[in-house]
Every structure is written in structure tokens, then in C-alpha cells.
Amino acid sequence: MARRHDPHRRERIIEAAVEVISESGLAALTHRTAAARADVPLGSTTYHFLSLDELLDAAVHTVAERNVARLRDWALSLPGDADLSTELASFIVLLAGEHRQTSVLAYELYGGALRRPALRAASTSWDEMLTEVFESKVDGVTARALTAMFNGLLYQALVSPGRPEHAGLEEVLRRLLR
């Protein structure tokens, strides 16, 4: 049952939206499905998010922030003499395996920006945050190229029928990072 005083209602609605998209895809998200999942009245979702695009934007930001936090933790855990190609290949394998559901969700939201211009700012913020993390390891131009390559390699790993091969990923990354 919905609570009368719920200072975290907005965050619960966002979490519910993320769960709906994660389980059923972007097309399944409506104000009604988010309200039902969050166990709040339908009016709460439209109070906090005037449009579905606003709710999607909040979901994109939430997922991107989590993924970037995971990436930042990964980057901070690397020893100074780490081989970036090897470590990035391992990270892609991890994201396509153990964290597959979260990665698929992120790309589903990212792809939603193709048809929903209101999501583009949130989606491009993922690229900006990714580039910022990579700039802690390489120069700015290489960081932008690495962002594009990382996104492409992870996307390919997610849509491929088999498990991504570390050696193949590492070889491609090593070529860029030479």
C-alpha cells in the first residue's frame, strides 16, 4: 500500500522504472507500470514526472551513474603499472557476463535516445563520464577514441551469441592504445 508521507517516493518511482525496463524493455514503461511497481498511486508518477520522457531521463541518469561508479571503482583499483588493454578487456568480459543485465539495460536506454530526443542529453552524459574516467589513464583524444571503442566492443559482446573472448578484445584495445 502507498504511504502518505514518503520522502523517497521519487527515487522509488525511478527504481521502479529501471526495474520495468530491465525486465520487460523500454516499450513496457508507462506511468502506470512504474506506479504499480513502486506501489504508489498513478498520480504520484505524473506529479514527479510530467512526461514519460522525464521519467526515462531520470532512469537513464540513474543507470549511467551506477555504471560510471562501477567504472570509476574499477579504474581506481588498477595498479599504476597495469596493462590498460588487458584490464579493459577483462572489464568488458565482466560487464558482458556477471553484469550483463545492467549492461543490456544501459544500452537499451542509450539506444532509446535514437527515437526520443529528450533522452539524448542523458545518454550523451554517459559518454562524457566514460571519457572522463579514461582521461585519468590516457590523453583526451585517446580517451574519446577509447570511449567509442569501449562502447562498441561491449555492445558487440552483449549481442553476440557466445561469451566474449578476452584475447580478441585485448588485441583490439592494444592496437588503439599503442
C-alpha atoms as a PDB file:
ATOM      1  CA  MET A   1       0.000   0.000   0.000  1.00  0.00           C
ATOM      2  CA  ALA A   2       1.223   3.505  -0.790  1.00  0.00           C
ATOM      3  CA  ARG A   3       2.456   5.636   2.083  1.00  0.00           C
ATOM      4  CA  ARG A   4       1.066   9.075   2.830  1.00  0.00           C
ATOM      5  CA  HIS A   5       4.363  10.663   3.772  1.00  0.00           C
ATOM      6  CA  ASP A   6       7.089   9.199   1.626  1.00  0.00           C
ATOM      7  CA  PRO A   7      10.131  11.467   1.213  1.00  0.00           C
ATOM      8  CA  HIS A   8      11.797   8.880  -1.053  1.00  0.00           C
ATOM      9  CA  ARG A   9       8.841   8.369  -3.368  1.00  0.00           C
ATOM     10  CA  ARG A  10      10.524   9.986  -6.369  1.00  0.00           C
ATOM     11  CA  GLU A  11      13.563   7.705  -6.033  1.00  0.00           C
ATOM     12  CA  ARG A  12      11.294   4.654  -5.623  1.00  0.00           C
ATOM     13  CA  ILE A  13       9.481   5.570  -8.832  1.00  0.00           C
ATOM     14  CA  ILE A  14      12.803   5.880 -10.680  1.00  0.00           C
ATOM     15  CA  GLU A  15      13.908   2.499  -9.299  1.00  0.00           C
ATOM     16  CA  ALA A  16      10.609   1.003 -10.383  1.00  0.00           C
ATOM     17  CA  ALA A  17      11.092   2.423 -13.889  1.00  0.00           C
ATOM     18  CA  VAL A  18      14.584   0.926 -14.071  1.00  0.00           C
ATOM     19  CA  GLU A  19      13.198  -2.458 -12.965  1.00  0.00           C
ATOM     20  CA  VAL A  20      10.366  -2.393 -15.526  1.00  0.00           C
ATOM     21  CA  ILE A  21      12.778  -1.545 -18.348  1.00  0.00           C
ATOM     22  CA  SER A  22      15.274  -4.127 -17.146  1.00  0.00           C
ATOM     23  CA  GLU A  23      12.694  -6.901 -17.069  1.00  0.00           C
ATOM     24  CA  SER A  24      10.439  -6.034 -19.999  1.00  0.00           C
ATOM     25  CA  GLY A  25      12.155  -3.459 -22.186  1.00  0.00           C
ATOM     26  CA  LEU A  26      11.789   0.231 -22.860  1.00  0.00           C
ATOM     27  CA  ALA A  27       8.386  -0.105 -24.535  1.00  0.00           C
ATOM     28  CA  ALA A  28       6.899  -1.618 -21.357  1.00  0.00           C
ATOM     29  CA  LEU A  29       7.478   1.502 -19.284  1.00  0.00           C
ATOM     30  CA  THR A  30       4.422   3.658 -18.686  1.00  0.00           C
ATOM     31  CA  HIS A  31       3.424   5.851 -15.779  1.00  0.00           C
ATOM     32  CA  ARG A  32       1.007   3.087 -14.825  1.00  0.00           C
ATOM     33  CA  THR A  33       3.633   0.282 -14.822  1.00  0.00           C
ATOM     34  CA  ALA A  34       6.060   2.438 -12.834  1.00  0.00           C
ATOM     35  CA  ALA A  35       3.339   3.319 -10.295  1.00  0.00           C
ATOM     36  CA  ALA A  36       2.326  -0.306  -9.886  1.00  0.00           C
ATOM     37  CA  ARG A  37       5.933  -1.455  -9.441  1.00  0.00           C
ATOM     38  CA  ALA A  38       6.685   1.354  -6.952  1.00  0.00           C
ATOM     39  CA  ASP A  39       3.395   0.699  -5.130  1.00  0.00           C
ATOM     40  CA  VAL A  40       2.315   4.329  -5.384  1.00  0.00           C
ATOM     41  CA  PRO A  41      -0.812   5.967  -6.806  1.00  0.00           C
ATOM     42  CA  LEU A  42      -0.652   6.745 -10.514  1.00  0.00           C
ATOM     43  CA  GLY A  43      -0.883  10.450  -9.681  1.00  0.00           C
ATOM     44  CA  SER A  44       2.465  10.236  -7.878  1.00  0.00           C
ATOM     45  CA  THR A  45       4.297   9.353 -11.065  1.00  0.00           C
ATOM     46  CA  THR A  46       2.740  12.193 -13.006  1.00  0.00           C
ATOM     47  CA  TYR A  47       3.356  14.583 -10.089  1.00  0.00           C
ATOM     48  CA  HIS A  48       7.084  13.813 -10.040  1.00  0.00           C
ATOM     49  CA  PHE A  49       7.468  13.276 -13.807  1.00  0.00           C
ATOM     50  CA  LEU A  50       5.217  15.341 -16.044  1.00  0.00           C
ATOM     51  CA  SER A  51       6.039  13.202 -19.059  1.00  0.00           C
ATOM     52  CA  LEU A  52       7.269   9.701 -19.720  1.00  0.00           C
ATOM     53  CA  ASP A  53      10.399  11.237 -21.247  1.00  0.00           C
ATOM     54  CA  GLU A  54      11.156  12.912 -17.872  1.00  0.00           C
ATOM     55  CA  LEU A  55      10.873   9.545 -16.143  1.00  0.00           C
ATOM     56  CA  LEU A  56      13.039   7.905 -18.806  1.00  0.00           C
ATOM     57  CA  ASP A  57      15.598  10.688 -18.450  1.00  0.00           C
ATOM     58  CA  ALA A  58      15.787  10.043 -14.705  1.00  0.00           C
ATOM     59  CA  ALA A  59      16.150   6.296 -15.342  1.00  0.00           C
ATOM     60  CA  VAL A  60      18.943   6.896 -17.882  1.00  0.00           C
ATOM     61  CA  HIS A  61      20.812   9.116 -15.412  1.00  0.00           C
ATOM     62  CA  THR A  62      20.408   6.567 -12.626  1.00  0.00           C
ATOM     63  CA  VAL A  63      21.704   3.676 -14.718  1.00  0.00           C
ATOM     64  CA  ALA A  64      24.546   5.748 -16.185  1.00  0.00           C
ATOM     65  CA  GLU A  65      25.641   6.935 -12.742  1.00  0.00           C
ATOM     66  CA  ARG A  66      25.724   3.364 -11.432  1.00  0.00           C
ATOM     67  CA  ASN A  67      27.693   2.130 -14.396  1.00  0.00           C
ATOM     68  CA  VAL A  68      30.130   5.015 -14.191  1.00  0.00           C
ATOM     69  CA  ALA A  69      30.555   4.386 -10.456  1.00  0.00           C
ATOM     70  CA  ARG A  70      31.426   0.778 -11.295  1.00  0.00           C
ATOM     71  CA  LEU A  71      33.867   2.046 -13.934  1.00  0.00           C
ATOM     72  CA  ARG A  72      35.430   4.571 -11.516  1.00  0.00           C
ATOM     73  CA  ASP A  73      35.869   1.874  -8.868  1.00  0.00           C
ATOM     74  CA  TRP A  74      37.479  -0.336 -11.485  1.00  0.00           C
ATOM     75  CA  ALA A  75      39.826   2.458 -12.642  1.00  0.00           C
ATOM     76  CA  LEU A  76      40.810   3.334  -9.067  1.00  0.00           C
ATOM     77  CA  SER A  77      41.553  -0.301  -8.277  1.00  0.00           C
ATOM     78  CA  LEU A  78      44.101  -0.586 -11.075  1.00  0.00           C
ATOM     79  CA  PRO A  79      47.733  -0.556 -10.032  1.00  0.00           C
ATOM     80  CA  GLY A  80      49.800   2.213 -11.621  1.00  0.00           C
ATOM     81  CA  ASP A  81      51.668  -0.245 -13.829  1.00  0.00           C
ATOM     82  CA  ALA A  82      48.542  -2.102 -15.010  1.00  0.00           C
ATOM     83  CA  ASP A  83      48.291  -3.011 -18.686  1.00  0.00           C
ATOM     84  CA  LEU A  84      45.239  -0.988 -19.706  1.00  0.00           C
ATOM     85  CA  SER A  85      44.445  -3.194 -22.714  1.00  0.00           C
ATOM     86  CA  THR A  86      44.386  -6.327 -20.580  1.00  0.00           C
ATOM     87  CA  GLU A  87      42.395  -4.693 -17.807  1.00  0.00           C
ATOM     88  CA  LEU A  88      39.816  -3.143 -20.149  1.00  0.00           C
ATOM     89  CA  ALA A  89      39.333  -6.468 -21.933  1.00  0.00           C
ATOM     90  CA  SER A  90      38.739  -8.127 -18.555  1.00  0.00           C
ATOM     91  CA  PHE A  91      36.301  -5.369 -17.614  1.00  0.00           C
ATOM     92  CA  ILE A  92      34.311  -5.834 -20.844  1.00  0.00           C
ATOM     93  CA  VAL A  93      34.141  -9.586 -20.198  1.00  0.00           C
ATOM     94  CA  LEU A  94      32.892  -8.831 -16.656  1.00  0.00           C
ATOM     95  CA  LEU A  95      30.263  -6.358 -17.879  1.00  0.00           C
ATOM     96  CA  ALA A  96      29.059  -8.757 -20.584  1.00  0.00           C
ATOM     97  CA  GLY A  97      28.969 -11.668 -18.139  1.00  0.00           C
ATOM     98  CA  GLU A  98      28.403 -11.037 -14.452  1.00  0.00           C
ATOM     99  CA  HIS A  99      26.862  -7.584 -15.035  1.00  0.00           C
ATOM    100  CA  ARG A 100      25.071  -8.451 -18.276  1.00  0.00           C
ATOM    101  CA  GLN A 101      21.578  -7.388 -17.180  1.00  0.00           C
ATOM    102  CA  THR A 102      22.773  -3.946 -16.089  1.00  0.00           C
ATOM    103  CA  SER A 103      24.802  -3.521 -19.275  1.00  0.00           C
ATOM    104  CA  VAL A 104      21.878  -4.533 -21.502  1.00  0.00           C
ATOM    105  CA  LEU A 105      19.675  -2.086 -19.607  1.00  0.00           C
ATOM    106  CA  ALA A 106      22.201   0.717 -20.116  1.00  0.00           C
ATOM    107  CA  TYR A 107      22.385   0.122 -23.864  1.00  0.00           C
ATOM    108  CA  GLU A 108      18.632  -0.189 -24.163  1.00  0.00           C
ATOM    109  CA  LEU A 109      18.276   3.234 -22.557  1.00  0.00           C
ATOM    110  CA  TYR A 110      21.165   4.608 -24.613  1.00  0.00           C
ATOM    111  CA  GLY A 111      19.521   3.337 -27.796  1.00  0.00           C
ATOM    112  CA  GLY A 112      16.207   4.860 -26.767  1.00  0.00           C
ATOM    113  CA  ALA A 113      17.749   8.262 -27.416  1.00  0.00           C
ATOM    114  CA  LEU A 114      17.716   7.490 -31.142  1.00  0.00           C
ATOM    115  CA  ARG A 115      13.944   7.905 -31.244  1.00  0.00           C
ATOM    116  CA  ARG A 116      13.414  10.063 -28.176  1.00  0.00           C
ATOM    117  CA  PRO A 117      15.342  13.327 -28.458  1.00  0.00           C
ATOM    118  CA  ALA A 118      14.536  14.165 -24.837  1.00  0.00           C
ATOM    119  CA  LEU A 119      16.828  11.301 -23.776  1.00  0.00           C
ATOM    120  CA  ARG A 120      19.833  12.441 -25.780  1.00  0.00           C
ATOM    121  CA  ALA A 121      21.334  14.691 -23.129  1.00  0.00           C
ATOM    122  CA  ALA A 122      21.208  11.937 -20.522  1.00  0.00           C
ATOM    123  CA  SER A 123      22.606   9.389 -22.958  1.00  0.00           C
ATOM    124  CA  THR A 124      25.499  11.570 -24.054  1.00  0.00           C
ATOM    125  CA  SER A 125      26.319  12.216 -20.407  1.00  0.00           C
ATOM    126  CA  TRP A 126      27.269   8.502 -20.181  1.00  0.00           C
ATOM    127  CA  ASP A 127      29.868   9.053 -22.923  1.00  0.00           C
ATOM    128  CA  GLU A 128      31.170  12.175 -21.203  1.00  0.00           C
ATOM    129  CA  MET A 129      31.538  10.400 -17.869  1.00  0.00           C
ATOM    130  CA  LEU A 130      33.201   7.418 -19.528  1.00  0.00           C
ATOM    131  CA  THR A 131      35.661   9.699 -21.316  1.00  0.00           C
ATOM    132  CA  GLU A 132      36.418  11.493 -18.046  1.00  0.00           C
ATOM    133  CA  VAL A 133      37.334   8.190 -16.381  1.00  0.00           C
ATOM    134  CA  PHE A 134      39.530   7.192 -19.318  1.00  0.00           C
ATOM    135  CA  GLU A 135      41.265  10.592 -19.228  1.00  0.00           C
ATOM    136  CA  SER A 136      42.686   9.561 -15.873  1.00  0.00           C
ATOM    137  CA  LYS A 137      44.669   6.916 -17.776  1.00  0.00           C
ATOM    138  CA  VAL A 138      45.296   8.371 -21.269  1.00  0.00           C
ATOM    139  CA  ASP A 139      45.268  11.707 -23.123  1.00  0.00           C
ATOM    140  CA  GLY A 140      41.982  13.366 -24.099  1.00  0.00           C
ATOM    141  CA  VAL A 141      41.864  12.352 -27.770  1.00  0.00           C
ATOM    142  CA  THR A 142      42.722   8.745 -26.939  1.00  0.00           C
ATOM    143  CA  ALA A 143      40.115   8.814 -24.158  1.00  0.00           C
ATOM    144  CA  ARG A 144      37.407   9.830 -26.647  1.00  0.00           C
ATOM    145  CA  ALA A 145      38.501   7.106 -29.075  1.00  0.00           C
ATOM    146  CA  LEU A 146      38.612   4.618 -26.208  1.00  0.00           C
ATOM    147  CA  THR A 147      35.080   5.606 -25.179  1.00  0.00           C
ATOM    148  CA  ALA A 148      33.784   4.861 -28.680  1.00  0.00           C
ATOM    149  CA  MET A 149      35.703   1.604 -28.880  1.00  0.00           C
ATOM    150  CA  PHE A 150      34.690   0.504 -25.383  1.00  0.00           C
ATOM    151  CA  ASN A 151      31.014   1.164 -26.157  1.00  0.00           C
ATOM    152  CA  GLY A 152      31.255  -0.683 -29.453  1.00  0.00           C
ATOM    153  CA  LEU A 153      33.119  -3.674 -28.048  1.00  0.00           C
ATOM    154  CA  LEU A 154      30.774  -4.016 -25.092  1.00  0.00           C
ATOM    155  CA  TYR A 155      27.723  -3.718 -27.333  1.00  0.00           C
ATOM    156  CA  GLN A 156      29.101  -6.396 -29.659  1.00  0.00           C
ATOM    157  CA  ALA A 157      29.829  -8.640 -26.682  1.00  0.00           C
ATOM    158  CA  LEU A 158      26.254  -8.228 -25.449  1.00  0.00           C
ATOM    159  CA  VAL A 159      24.584  -9.065 -28.769  1.00  0.00           C
ATOM    160  CA  SER A 160      26.933 -11.890 -29.748  1.00  0.00           C
ATOM    161  CA  PRO A 161      25.612 -15.399 -29.116  1.00  0.00           C
ATOM    162  CA  GLY A 162      28.783 -16.550 -27.350  1.00  0.00           C
ATOM    163  CA  ARG A 163      30.846 -15.318 -24.466  1.00  0.00           C
ATOM    164  CA  PRO A 164      33.309 -12.557 -25.455  1.00  0.00           C
ATOM    165  CA  GLU A 165      36.885 -13.717 -25.850  1.00  0.00           C
ATOM    166  CA  HIS A 166      39.343 -11.817 -23.700  1.00  0.00           C
ATOM    167  CA  ALA A 167      42.239 -12.276 -26.145  1.00  0.00           C
ATOM    168  CA  GLY A 168      40.323 -10.812 -29.084  1.00  0.00           C
ATOM    169  CA  LEU A 169      39.171  -7.810 -27.082  1.00  0.00           C
ATOM    170  CA  GLU A 170      42.640  -7.222 -25.718  1.00  0.00           C
ATOM    171  CA  GLU A 171      44.172  -7.313 -29.188  1.00  0.00           C
ATOM    172  CA  VAL A 172      41.789  -4.636 -30.482  1.00  0.00           C
ATOM    173  CA  LEU A 173      42.267  -2.437 -27.423  1.00  0.00           C
ATOM    174  CA  ARG A 174      46.046  -2.825 -27.571  1.00  0.00           C
ATOM    175  CA  ARG A 175      46.027  -1.598 -31.180  1.00  0.00           C
ATOM    176  CA  LEU A 176      44.233   1.603 -30.161  1.00  0.00           C
ATOM    177  CA  LEU A 177      46.346   2.167 -27.063  1.00  0.00           C
ATOM    178  CA  ARG A 178      49.719   1.759 -28.763  1.00  0.00           C
END
